[in-house]
């Protein structure tokens, strides 16, 4: 997605700058999935994992026309394992930030 330059180079430069700014807060980690990873654990689509104040985990899976709240322990566990796998397949936060800087500098 970052290589498409949708909107032109200036828009892409601004996008890359915004993503770099998102890496600055201590409580945010940004990781980029490398292109050499044709199939990865996130290929099935967007998902969110949430922890309630009562320490219960729930998941939310999104499709093109639907969304599904997932609360069963086994299903949430599968989503947590998928998330962990995605993190292990992606570039580290430091390598991701370095890649964004190189991409912005190349424009």
PDB file of N, CA and C in Angstrom:
ATOM      1  N   UNK A   1       0.818  -1.186   0.000  1.00  0.00           N
ATOM      2  CA  UNK A   1       0.000   0.000   0.000  1.00  0.00           C
ATOM      3  C   UNK A   1       0.870   1.260   0.000  1.00  0.00           C
ATOM      4  N   UNK A   2       1.935   1.245   0.759  1.00  0.00           N
ATOM      5  CA  UNK A   2       2.785   2.432   0.849  1.00  0.00           C
ATOM      6  C   UNK A   2       3.555   2.694  -0.436  1.00  0.00           C
ATOM      7  N   UNK A   3       3.702   1.693  -1.269  1.00  0.00           N
ATOM      8  CA  UNK A   3       4.463   1.855  -2.505  1.00  0.00           C
ATOM      9  C   UNK A   3       3.615   2.340  -3.668  1.00  0.00           C
ATOM     10  N   UNK A   4       2.312   2.442  -3.489  1.00  0.00           N
ATOM     11  CA  UNK A   4       1.426   2.823  -4.595  1.00  0.00           C
ATOM     12  C   UNK A   4       1.461   4.311  -4.908  1.00  0.00           C
ATOM     13  N   UNK A   5       1.811   5.139  -3.957  1.00  0.00           N
ATOM     14  CA  UNK A   5       1.880   6.597  -4.130  1.00  0.00           C
ATOM     15  C   UNK A   5       0.535   7.166  -4.575  1.00  0.00           C
ATOM     16  N   UNK A   6      -0.540   6.616  -4.030  1.00  0.00           N
ATOM     17  CA  UNK A   6      -1.879   7.105  -4.351  1.00  0.00           C
ATOM     18  C   UNK A   6      -1.977   8.580  -3.993  1.00  0.00           C
ATOM     19  N   UNK A   7      -2.386   9.395  -4.940  1.00  0.00           N
ATOM     20  CA  UNK A   7      -2.483  10.833  -4.714  1.00  0.00           C
ATOM     21  C   UNK A   7      -1.223  11.588  -5.086  1.00  0.00           C
ATOM     22  N   UNK A   8      -0.180  10.866  -5.480  1.00  0.00           N
ATOM     23  CA  UNK A   8       1.061  11.514  -5.883  1.00  0.00           C
ATOM     24  C   UNK A   8       2.119  11.488  -4.795  1.00  0.00           C
ATOM     25  N   UNK A   9       3.294  11.961  -5.153  1.00  0.00           N
ATOM     26  CA  UNK A   9       4.435  11.915  -4.236  1.00  0.00           C
ATOM     27  C   UNK A   9       4.233  12.784  -3.002  1.00  0.00           C
ATOM     28  N   UNK A  10       3.641  13.964  -3.163  1.00  0.00           N
ATOM     29  CA  UNK A  10       3.447  14.854  -2.011  1.00  0.00           C
ATOM     30  C   UNK A  10       2.514  14.219  -0.981  1.00  0.00           C
ATOM     31  N   UNK A  11       1.440  13.615  -1.445  1.00  0.00           N
ATOM     32  CA  UNK A  11       0.504  12.941  -0.532  1.00  0.00           C
ATOM     33  C   UNK A  11       1.210  11.781   0.162  1.00  0.00           C
ATOM     34  N   UNK A  12       1.993  11.034  -0.596  1.00  0.00           N
ATOM     35  CA  UNK A  12       2.723   9.908  -0.015  1.00  0.00           C
ATOM     36  C   UNK A  12       3.740  10.395   1.007  1.00  0.00           C
ATOM     37  N   UNK A  13       4.433  11.482   0.713  1.00  0.00           N
ATOM     38  CA  UNK A  13       5.411  12.048   1.649  1.00  0.00           C
ATOM     39  C   UNK A  13       4.719  12.450   2.958  1.00  0.00           C
ATOM     40  N   UNK A  14       3.546  13.082   2.844  1.00  0.00           N
ATOM     41  CA  UNK A  14       2.785  13.470   4.037  1.00  0.00           C
ATOM     42  C   UNK A  14       2.331  12.241   4.819  1.00  0.00           C
ATOM     43  N   UNK A  15       1.883  11.218   4.108  1.00  0.00           N
ATOM     44  CA  UNK A  15       1.454   9.981   4.765  1.00  0.00           C
ATOM     45  C   UNK A  15       2.606   9.350   5.532  1.00  0.00           C
ATOM     46  N   UNK A  16       3.762   9.263   4.891  1.00  0.00           N
ATOM     47  CA  UNK A  16       4.930   8.679   5.552  1.00  0.00           C
ATOM     48  C   UNK A  16       5.335   9.503   6.768  1.00  0.00           C
ATOM     49  N   UNK A  17       5.270  10.830   6.650  1.00  0.00           N
ATOM     50  CA  UNK A  17       5.571  11.695   7.790  1.00  0.00           C
ATOM     51  C   UNK A  17       4.597  11.480   8.932  1.00  0.00           C
ATOM     52  N   UNK A  18       3.322  11.329   8.596  1.00  0.00           N
ATOM     53  CA  UNK A  18       2.310  11.078   9.628  1.00  0.00           C
ATOM     54  C   UNK A  18       2.567   9.740  10.326  1.00  0.00           C
ATOM     55  N   UNK A  19       2.871   8.713   9.540  1.00  0.00           N
ATOM     56  CA  UNK A  19       3.155   7.409  10.142  1.00  0.00           C
ATOM     57  C   UNK A  19       4.382   7.474  11.040  1.00  0.00           C
ATOM     58  N   UNK A  20       5.401   8.209  10.616  1.00  0.00           N
ATOM     59  CA  UNK A  20       6.585   8.375  11.468  1.00  0.00           C
ATOM     60  C   UNK A  20       6.234   9.092  12.764  1.00  0.00           C
ATOM     61  N   UNK A  21       5.380  10.101  12.682  1.00  0.00           N
ATOM     62  CA  UNK A  21       4.955  10.814  13.893  1.00  0.00           C
ATOM     63  C   UNK A  21       4.191   9.881  14.828  1.00  0.00           C
ATOM     64  N   UNK A  22       3.471   8.927  14.263  1.00  0.00           N
ATOM     65  CA  UNK A  22       2.722   7.965  15.083  1.00  0.00           C
ATOM     66  C   UNK A  22       3.647   7.043  15.870  1.00  0.00           C
ATOM     67  N   UNK A  23       4.904   6.930  15.461  1.00  0.00           N
ATOM     68  CA  UNK A  23       5.840   6.045  16.163  1.00  0.00           C
ATOM     69  C   UNK A  23       6.479   6.714  17.376  1.00  0.00           C
ATOM     70  N   UNK A  24       6.258   8.015  17.550  1.00  0.00           N
ATOM     71  CA  UNK A  24       6.938   8.748  18.616  1.00  0.00           C
ATOM     72  C   UNK A  24       6.393   8.496  20.024  1.00  0.00           C
ATOM     73  N   UNK A  25       5.074   8.406  20.234  1.00  0.00           N
ATOM     74  CA  UNK A  25       4.596   8.177  21.603  1.00  0.00           C
ATOM     75  C   UNK A  25       5.111   6.845  22.157  1.00  0.00           C
ATOM     76  N   UNK A  26       5.411   6.823  23.443  1.00  0.00           N
ATOM     77  CA  UNK A  26       5.974   5.632  24.070  1.00  0.00           C
ATOM     78  C   UNK A  26       5.010   4.450  24.031  1.00  0.00           C
ATOM     79  N   UNK A  27       3.712   4.732  23.956  1.00  0.00           N
ATOM     80  CA  UNK A  27       2.723   3.654  24.044  1.00  0.00           C
ATOM     81  C   UNK A  27       2.211   3.193  22.675  1.00  0.00           C
ATOM     82  N   UNK A  28       2.909   3.554  21.603  1.00  0.00           N
ATOM     83  CA  UNK A  28       2.496   3.156  20.258  1.00  0.00           C
ATOM     84  C   UNK A  28       3.640   2.403  19.589  1.00  0.00           C
ATOM     85  N   UNK A  29       3.322   1.248  19.030  1.00  0.00           N
ATOM     86  CA  UNK A  29       4.294   0.505  18.230  1.00  0.00           C
ATOM     87  C   UNK A  29       3.719   0.327  16.841  1.00  0.00           C
ATOM     88  N   UNK A  30       4.478   0.680  15.842  1.00  0.00           N
ATOM     89  CA  UNK A  30       4.063   0.530  14.457  1.00  0.00           C
ATOM     90  C   UNK A  30       4.993  -0.485  13.809  1.00  0.00           C
ATOM     91  N   UNK A  31       4.408  -1.515  13.225  1.00  0.00           N
ATOM     92  CA  UNK A  31       5.198  -2.538  12.549  1.00  0.00           C
ATOM     93  C   UNK A  31       4.675  -2.712  11.132  1.00  0.00           C
ATOM     94  N   UNK A  32       5.587  -2.821  10.188  1.00  0.00           N
ATOM     95  CA  UNK A  32       5.233  -2.984   8.780  1.00  0.00           C
ATOM     96  C   UNK A  32       5.456  -4.437   8.377  1.00  0.00           C
ATOM     97  N   UNK A  33       4.466  -4.979   7.682  1.00  0.00           N
ATOM     98  CA  UNK A  33       4.599  -6.336   7.150  1.00  0.00           C
ATOM     99  C   UNK A  33       5.396  -6.239   5.848  1.00  0.00           C
ATOM    100  N   UNK A  34       6.537  -6.914   5.769  1.00  0.00           N
ATOM    101  CA  UNK A  34       7.358  -6.813   4.558  1.00  0.00           C
ATOM    102  C   UNK A  34       6.686  -7.470   3.356  1.00  0.00           C
ATOM    103  N   UNK A  35       7.016  -6.971   2.184  1.00  0.00           N
ATOM    104  CA  UNK A  35       6.457  -7.516   0.944  1.00  0.00           C
ATOM    105  C   UNK A  35       6.889  -8.954   0.697  1.00  0.00           C
ATOM    106  N   UNK A  36       8.020  -9.336   1.225  1.00  0.00           N
ATOM    107  CA  UNK A  36       8.505 -10.698   0.997  1.00  0.00           C
ATOM    108  C   UNK A  36       7.653 -11.728   1.737  1.00  0.00           C
ATOM    109  N   UNK A  37       6.670 -11.259   2.490  1.00  0.00           N
ATOM    110  CA  UNK A  37       5.779 -12.122   3.255  1.00  0.00           C
ATOM    111  C   UNK A  37       4.445 -12.210   2.500  1.00  0.00           C
ATOM    112  N   UNK A  38       4.365 -13.015   1.408  1.00  0.00           N
ATOM    113  CA  UNK A  38       3.156 -13.012   0.575  1.00  0.00           C
ATOM    114  C   UNK A  38       1.916 -13.475   1.325  1.00  0.00           C
ATOM    115  N   UNK A  39       2.056 -14.432   2.211  1.00  0.00           N
ATOM    116  CA  UNK A  39       0.932 -14.837   3.049  1.00  0.00           C
ATOM    117  C   UNK A  39       1.358 -14.626   4.491  1.00  0.00           C
ATOM    118  N   UNK A  40       0.541 -13.943   5.233  1.00  0.00           N
ATOM    119  CA  UNK A  40       0.843 -13.726   6.642  1.00  0.00           C
ATOM    120  C   UNK A  40      -0.440 -13.867   7.446  1.00  0.00           C
ATOM    121  N   UNK A  41      -0.315 -13.868   8.739  1.00  0.00           N
ATOM    122  CA  UNK A  41      -1.448 -14.124   9.624  1.00  0.00           C
ATOM    123  C   UNK A  41      -2.529 -13.056   9.542  1.00  0.00           C
ATOM    124  N   UNK A  42      -2.247 -11.919   8.934  1.00  0.00           N
ATOM    125  CA  UNK A  42      -3.247 -10.862   8.810  1.00  0.00           C
ATOM    126  C   UNK A  42      -3.977 -10.860   7.481  1.00  0.00           C
ATOM    127  N   UNK A  43      -3.686 -11.824   6.640  1.00  0.00           N
ATOM    128  CA  UNK A  43      -4.289 -11.862   5.315  1.00  0.00           C
ATOM    129  C   UNK A  43      -5.802 -12.053   5.369  1.00  0.00           C
ATOM    130  N   UNK A  44      -6.299 -12.656   6.438  1.00  0.00           N
ATOM    131  CA  UNK A  44      -7.742 -12.910   6.548  1.00  0.00           C
ATOM    132  C   UNK A  44      -8.553 -11.644   6.759  1.00  0.00           C
ATOM    133  N   UNK A  45      -7.906 -10.541   7.073  1.00  0.00           N
ATOM    134  CA  UNK A  45      -8.627  -9.285   7.218  1.00  0.00           C
ATOM    135  C   UNK A  45      -8.388  -8.609   8.552  1.00  0.00           C
ATOM    136  N   UNK A  46      -8.909  -7.386   8.675  1.00  0.00           N
ATOM    137  CA  UNK A  46      -8.695  -6.597   9.886  1.00  0.00           C
ATOM    138  C   UNK A  46      -9.338  -7.229  11.117  1.00  0.00           C
ATOM    139  N   UNK A  47      -8.705  -7.028  12.240  1.00  0.00           N
ATOM    140  CA  UNK A  47      -9.261  -7.487  13.511  1.00  0.00           C
ATOM    141  C   UNK A  47      -8.776  -6.567  14.618  1.00  0.00           C
ATOM    142  N   UNK A  48      -9.523  -6.575  15.692  1.00  0.00           N
ATOM    143  CA  UNK A  48      -9.149  -5.809  16.875  1.00  0.00           C
ATOM    144  C   UNK A  48      -9.291  -6.715  18.085  1.00  0.00           C
ATOM    145  N   UNK A  49      -8.375  -6.595  19.015  1.00  0.00           N
ATOM    146  CA  UNK A  49      -8.453  -7.296  20.289  1.00  0.00           C
ATOM    147  C   UNK A  49      -8.612  -6.249  21.375  1.00  0.00           C
ATOM    148  N   UNK A  50      -9.558  -6.476  22.259  1.00  0.00           N
ATOM    149  CA  UNK A  50      -9.861  -5.509  23.311  1.00  0.00           C
ATOM    150  C   UNK A  50      -9.937  -6.221  24.653  1.00  0.00           C
ATOM    151  N   UNK A  51      -9.436  -5.563  25.679  1.00  0.00           N
ATOM    152  CA  UNK A  51      -9.552  -6.095  27.038  1.00  0.00           C
ATOM    153  C   UNK A  51     -10.479  -5.188  27.827  1.00  0.00           C
ATOM    154  N   UNK A  52     -11.471  -5.787  28.467  1.00  0.00           N
ATOM    155  CA  UNK A  52     -12.436  -5.019  29.247  1.00  0.00           C
ATOM    156  C   UNK A  52     -11.841  -4.677  30.611  1.00  0.00           C
ATOM    157  N   UNK A  53     -12.457  -3.738  31.339  1.00  0.00           N
ATOM    158  CA  UNK A  53     -11.981  -3.429  32.693  1.00  0.00           C
ATOM    159  C   UNK A  53     -12.000  -4.651  33.619  1.00  0.00           C
ATOM    160  N   UNK A  54     -12.837  -5.637  33.286  1.00  0.00           N
ATOM    161  CA  UNK A  54     -12.920  -6.866  34.088  1.00  0.00           C
ATOM    162  C   UNK A  54     -11.891  -7.908  33.649  1.00  0.00           C
ATOM    163  N   UNK A  55     -10.971  -7.509  32.794  1.00  0.00           N
ATOM    164  CA  UNK A  55      -9.893  -8.365  32.278  1.00  0.00           C
ATOM    165  C   UNK A  55     -10.409  -9.486  31.374  1.00  0.00           C
ATOM    166  N   UNK A  56     -11.539  -9.262  30.731  1.00  0.00           N
ATOM    167  CA  UNK A  56     -12.066 -10.204  29.742  1.00  0.00           C
ATOM    168  C   UNK A  56     -11.603  -9.745  28.360  1.00  0.00           C
ATOM    169  N   UNK A  57     -11.183 -10.684  27.546  1.00  0.00           N
ATOM    170  CA  UNK A  57     -10.753 -10.358  26.194  1.00  0.00           C
ATOM    171  C   UNK A  57     -11.881 -10.627  25.213  1.00  0.00           C
ATOM    172  N   UNK A  58     -12.063  -9.718  24.269  1.00  0.00           N
ATOM    173  CA  UNK A  58     -13.003  -9.893  23.167  1.00  0.00           C
ATOM    174  C   UNK A  58     -12.282  -9.500  21.884  1.00  0.00           C
ATOM    175  N   UNK A  59     -12.794  -9.990  20.793  1.00  0.00           N
ATOM    176  CA  UNK A  59     -12.224  -9.653  19.500  1.00  0.00           C
ATOM    177  C   UNK A  59     -13.294  -9.101  18.586  1.00  0.00           C
ATOM    178  N   UNK A  60     -12.859  -8.380  17.585  1.00  0.00           N
ATOM    179  CA  UNK A  60     -13.769  -7.868  16.570  1.00  0.00           C
ATOM    180  C   UNK A  60     -13.112  -8.122  15.225  1.00  0.00           C
ATOM    181  N   UNK A  61     -13.791  -8.901  14.394  1.00  0.00           N
ATOM    182  CA  UNK A  61     -13.273  -9.224  13.066  1.00  0.00           C
ATOM    183  C   UNK A  61     -14.109  -8.494  12.035  1.00  0.00           C
ATOM    184  N   UNK A  62     -13.441  -7.908  11.053  1.00  0.00           N
ATOM    185  CA  UNK A  62     -14.135  -7.135  10.028  1.00  0.00           C
ATOM    186  C   UNK A  62     -14.052  -7.829   8.681  1.00  0.00           C
ATOM    187  N   UNK A  63     -15.155  -7.747   7.961  1.00  0.00           N
ATOM    188  CA  UNK A  63     -15.200  -8.214   6.586  1.00  0.00           C
ATOM    189  C   UNK A  63     -15.578  -7.044   5.701  1.00  0.00           C
ATOM    190  N   UNK A  64     -15.738  -7.305   4.430  1.00  0.00           N
ATOM    191  CA  UNK A  64     -16.042  -6.226   3.502  1.00  0.00           C
ATOM    192  C   UNK A  64     -17.399  -5.594   3.794  1.00  0.00           C
ATOM    193  N   UNK A  65     -18.375  -6.408   4.166  1.00  0.00           N
ATOM    194  CA  UNK A  65     -19.714  -5.884   4.430  1.00  0.00           C
ATOM    195  C   UNK A  65     -20.202  -6.172   5.844  1.00  0.00           C
ATOM    196  N   UNK A  66     -19.405  -6.836   6.650  1.00  0.00           N
ATOM    197  CA  UNK A  66     -19.858  -7.226   7.977  1.00  0.00           C
ATOM    198  C   UNK A  66     -18.757  -7.051   9.008  1.00  0.00           C
ATOM    199  N   UNK A  67     -19.158  -7.072  10.244  1.00  0.00           N
ATOM    200  CA  UNK A  67     -18.242  -7.104  11.367  1.00  0.00           C
ATOM    201  C   UNK A  67     -18.798  -8.092  12.372  1.00  0.00           C
ATOM    202  N   UNK A  68     -17.920  -8.718  13.141  1.00  0.00           N
ATOM    203  CA  UNK A  68     -18.378  -9.722  14.084  1.00  0.00           C
ATOM    204  C   UNK A  68     -17.643  -9.564  15.405  1.00  0.00           C
ATOM    205  N   UNK A  69     -18.411  -9.430  16.478  1.00  0.00           N
ATOM    206  CA  UNK A  69     -17.851  -9.408  17.818  1.00  0.00           C
ATOM    207  C   UNK A  69     -17.623 -10.846  18.253  1.00  0.00           C
ATOM    208  N   UNK A  70     -16.438 -11.138  18.725  1.00  0.00           N
ATOM    209  CA  UNK A  70     -16.066 -12.493  19.120  1.00  0.00           C
ATOM    210  C   UNK A  70     -15.785 -12.481  20.615  1.00  0.00           C
ATOM    211  N   UNK A  71     -16.507 -13.310  21.368  1.00  0.00           N
ATOM    212  CA  UNK A  71     -16.299 -13.317  22.812  1.00  0.00           C
ATOM    213  C   UNK A  71     -15.979 -14.699  23.368  1.00  0.00           C
ATOM    214  N   UNK A  72     -16.159 -15.745  22.588  1.00  0.00           N
ATOM    215  CA  UNK A  72     -15.832 -17.091  23.064  1.00  0.00           C
ATOM    216  C   UNK A  72     -14.342 -17.231  23.310  1.00  0.00           C
ATOM    217  N   UNK A  73     -13.992 -17.886  24.404  1.00  0.00           N
ATOM    218  CA  UNK A  73     -12.574 -17.991  24.782  1.00  0.00           C
ATOM    219  C   UNK A  73     -11.713 -18.615  23.691  1.00  0.00           C
ATOM    220  N   UNK A  74     -12.195 -19.697  23.092  1.00  0.00           N
ATOM    221  CA  UNK A  74     -11.392 -20.360  22.061  1.00  0.00           C
ATOM    222  C   UNK A  74     -11.201 -19.468  20.840  1.00  0.00           C
ATOM    223  N   UNK A  75     -12.269 -18.810  20.415  1.00  0.00           N
ATOM    224  CA  UNK A  75     -12.186 -17.941  19.235  1.00  0.00           C
ATOM    225  C   UNK A  75     -11.277 -16.744  19.500  1.00  0.00           C
ATOM    226  N   UNK A  76     -11.377 -16.165  20.687  1.00  0.00           N
ATOM    227  CA  UNK A  76     -10.512 -15.035  21.039  1.00  0.00           C
ATOM    228  C   UNK A  76      -9.062 -15.501  21.133  1.00  0.00           C
ATOM    229  N   UNK A  77      -8.855 -16.697  21.661  1.00  0.00           N
ATOM    230  CA  UNK A  77      -7.503 -17.247  21.752  1.00  0.00           C
ATOM    231  C   UNK A  77      -6.881 -17.403  20.368  1.00  0.00           C
ATOM    232  N   UNK A  78      -7.672 -17.853  19.396  1.00  0.00           N
ATOM    233  CA  UNK A  78      -7.179 -17.979  18.019  1.00  0.00           C
ATOM    234  C   UNK A  78      -6.782 -16.606  17.484  1.00  0.00           C
ATOM    235  N   UNK A  79      -7.587 -15.588  17.770  1.00  0.00           N
ATOM    236  CA  UNK A  79      -7.261 -14.230  17.315  1.00  0.00           C
ATOM    237  C   UNK A  79      -5.988 -13.725  17.980  1.00  0.00           C
ATOM    238  N   UNK A  80      -5.806 -14.033  19.270  1.00  0.00           N
ATOM    239  CA  UNK A  80      -4.593 -13.609  19.971  1.00  0.00           C
ATOM    240  C   UNK A  80      -3.358 -14.288  19.383  1.00  0.00           C
ATOM    241  N   UNK A  81      -3.494 -15.565  19.042  1.00  0.00           N
ATOM    242  CA  UNK A  81      -2.367 -16.271  18.424  1.00  0.00           C
ATOM    243  C   UNK A  81      -2.073 -15.693  17.041  1.00  0.00           C
ATOM    244  N   UNK A  82      -3.116 -15.346  16.305  1.00  0.00           N
ATOM    245  CA  UNK A  82      -2.942 -14.740  14.983  1.00  0.00           C
ATOM    246  C   UNK A  82      -2.218 -13.401  15.102  1.00  0.00           C
ATOM    247  N   UNK A  83      -2.599 -12.612  16.112  1.00  0.00           N
ATOM    248  CA  UNK A  83      -1.952 -11.320  16.347  1.00  0.00           C
ATOM    249  C   UNK A  83      -0.469 -11.518  16.688  1.00  0.00           C
ATOM    250  N   UNK A  84      -0.187 -12.473  17.551  1.00  0.00           N
ATOM    251  CA  UNK A  84       1.205 -12.743  17.926  1.00  0.00           C
ATOM    252  C   UNK A  84       2.015 -13.187  16.705  1.00  0.00           C
ATOM    253  N   UNK A  85       1.409 -13.993  15.857  1.00  0.00           N
ATOM    254  CA  UNK A  85       2.099 -14.450  14.647  1.00  0.00           C
ATOM    255  C   UNK A  85       2.373 -13.272  13.710  1.00  0.00           C
ATOM    256  N   UNK A  86       1.386 -12.374  13.554  1.00  0.00           N
ATOM    257  CA  UNK A  86       1.599 -11.189  12.703  1.00  0.00           C
ATOM    258  C   UNK A  86       2.762 -10.358  13.224  1.00  0.00           C
ATOM    259  N   UNK A  87       2.820 -10.159  14.536  1.00  0.00           N
ATOM    260  CA  UNK A  87       3.919  -9.362  15.106  1.00  0.00           C
ATOM    261  C   UNK A  87       5.262 -10.010  14.841  1.00  0.00           C
ATOM    262  N   UNK A  88       5.302 -11.347  14.891  1.00  0.00           N
ATOM    263  CA  UNK A  88       6.580 -12.028  14.656  1.00  0.00           C
ATOM    264  C   UNK A  88       6.973 -11.993  13.180  1.00  0.00           C
ATOM    265  N   UNK A  89       5.992 -11.906  12.276  1.00  0.00           N
ATOM    266  CA  UNK A  89       6.279 -11.871  10.844  1.00  0.00           C
ATOM    267  C   UNK A  89       6.637 -10.467  10.355  1.00  0.00           C
ATOM    268  N   UNK A  90       6.205  -9.450  11.071  1.00  0.00           N
ATOM    269  CA  UNK A  90       6.418  -8.062  10.652  1.00  0.00           C
ATOM    270  C   UNK A  90       7.821  -7.584  11.042  1.00  0.00           C
ATOM    271  N   UNK A  91       8.227  -6.481  10.437  1.00  0.00           N
ATOM    272  CA  UNK A  91       9.480  -5.832  10.832  1.00  0.00           C
ATOM    273  C   UNK A  91       9.352  -5.330  12.262  1.00  0.00           C
ATOM    274  N   UNK A  92      10.462  -5.218  12.952  1.00  0.00           N
ATOM    275  CA  UNK A  92      10.441  -4.659  14.307  1.00  0.00           C
ATOM    276  C   UNK A  92      10.004  -3.193  14.235  1.00  0.00           C
ATOM    277  N   UNK A  93       9.551  -2.622  15.354  1.00  0.00           N
ATOM    278  CA  UNK A  93       9.195  -1.198  15.332  1.00  0.00           C
ATOM    279  C   UNK A  93      10.348  -0.307  14.860  1.00  0.00           C
ATOM    280  N   UNK A  94      11.572  -0.593  15.295  1.00  0.00           N
ATOM    281  CA  UNK A  94      12.728   0.222  14.875  1.00  0.00           C
ATOM    282  C   UNK A  94      12.994   0.064  13.379  1.00  0.00           C
ATOM    283  N   UNK A  95      12.942  -1.172  12.885  1.00  0.00           N
ATOM    284  CA  UNK A  95      13.159  -1.400  11.453  1.00  0.00           C
ATOM    285  C   UNK A  95      12.035  -0.795  10.620  1.00  0.00           C
ATOM    286  N   UNK A  96      10.815  -0.823  11.142  1.00  0.00           N
ATOM    287  CA  UNK A  96       9.682  -0.225  10.430  1.00  0.00           C
ATOM    288  C   UNK A  96       9.859   1.283  10.314  1.00  0.00           C
ATOM    289  N   UNK A  97      10.269   1.935  11.407  1.00  0.00           N
ATOM    290  CA  UNK A  97      10.492   3.385  11.378  1.00  0.00           C
ATOM    291  C   UNK A  97      11.626   3.731  10.418  1.00  0.00           C
ATOM    292  N   UNK A  98      12.676   2.924  10.423  1.00  0.00           N
ATOM    293  CA  UNK A  98      13.802   3.159   9.506  1.00  0.00           C
ATOM    294  C   UNK A  98      13.352   3.021   8.050  1.00  0.00           C
ATOM    295  N   UNK A  99      12.522   2.028   7.765  1.00  0.00           N
ATOM    296  CA  UNK A  99      12.003   1.851   6.408  1.00  0.00           C
ATOM    297  C   UNK A  99      11.163   3.059   5.992  1.00  0.00           C
ATOM    298  N   UNK A 100      10.310   3.550   6.880  1.00  0.00           N
ATOM    299  CA  UNK A 100       9.494   4.730   6.571  1.00  0.00           C
ATOM    300  C   UNK A 100      10.374   5.941   6.272  1.00  0.00           C
ATOM    301  N   UNK A 101      11.444   6.115   7.048  1.00  0.00           N
ATOM    302  CA  UNK A 101      12.357   7.240   6.816  1.00  0.00           C
ATOM    303  C   UNK A 101      13.047   7.112   5.460  1.00  0.00           C
ATOM    304  N   UNK A 102      13.490   5.905   5.118  1.00  0.00           N
ATOM    305  CA  UNK A 102      14.135   5.688   3.813  1.00  0.00           C
ATOM    306  C   UNK A 102      13.158   5.946   2.673  1.00  0.00           C
ATOM    307  N   UNK A 103      11.933   5.483   2.830  1.00  0.00           N
ATOM    308  CA  UNK A 103      10.927   5.684   1.781  1.00  0.00           C
ATOM    309  C   UNK A 103      10.625   7.166   1.595  1.00  0.00           C
ATOM    310  N   UNK A 104      10.510   7.886   2.698  1.00  0.00           N
ATOM    311  CA  UNK A 104      10.226   9.325   2.608  1.00  0.00           C
ATOM    312  C   UNK A 104      11.399  10.058   1.967  1.00  0.00           C
ATOM    313  N   UNK A 105      12.617   9.658   2.309  1.00  0.00           N
ATOM    314  CA  UNK A 105      13.800  10.281   1.727  1.00  0.00           C
ATOM    315  C   UNK A 105      13.960  10.003   0.245  1.00  0.00           C
ATOM    316  N   UNK A 106      13.400   8.889  -0.225  1.00  0.00           N
ATOM    317  CA  UNK A 106      13.528   8.521  -1.637  1.00  0.00           C
ATOM    318  C   UNK A 106      12.553   9.285  -2.526  1.00  0.00           C
ATOM    319  N   UNK A 107      11.581   9.977  -1.927  1.00  0.00           N
ATOM    320  CA  UNK A 107      10.596  10.721  -2.744  1.00  0.00           C
ATOM    321  C   UNK A 107      11.133  12.075  -3.158  1.00  0.00           C
TER     322      UNK A 107
END
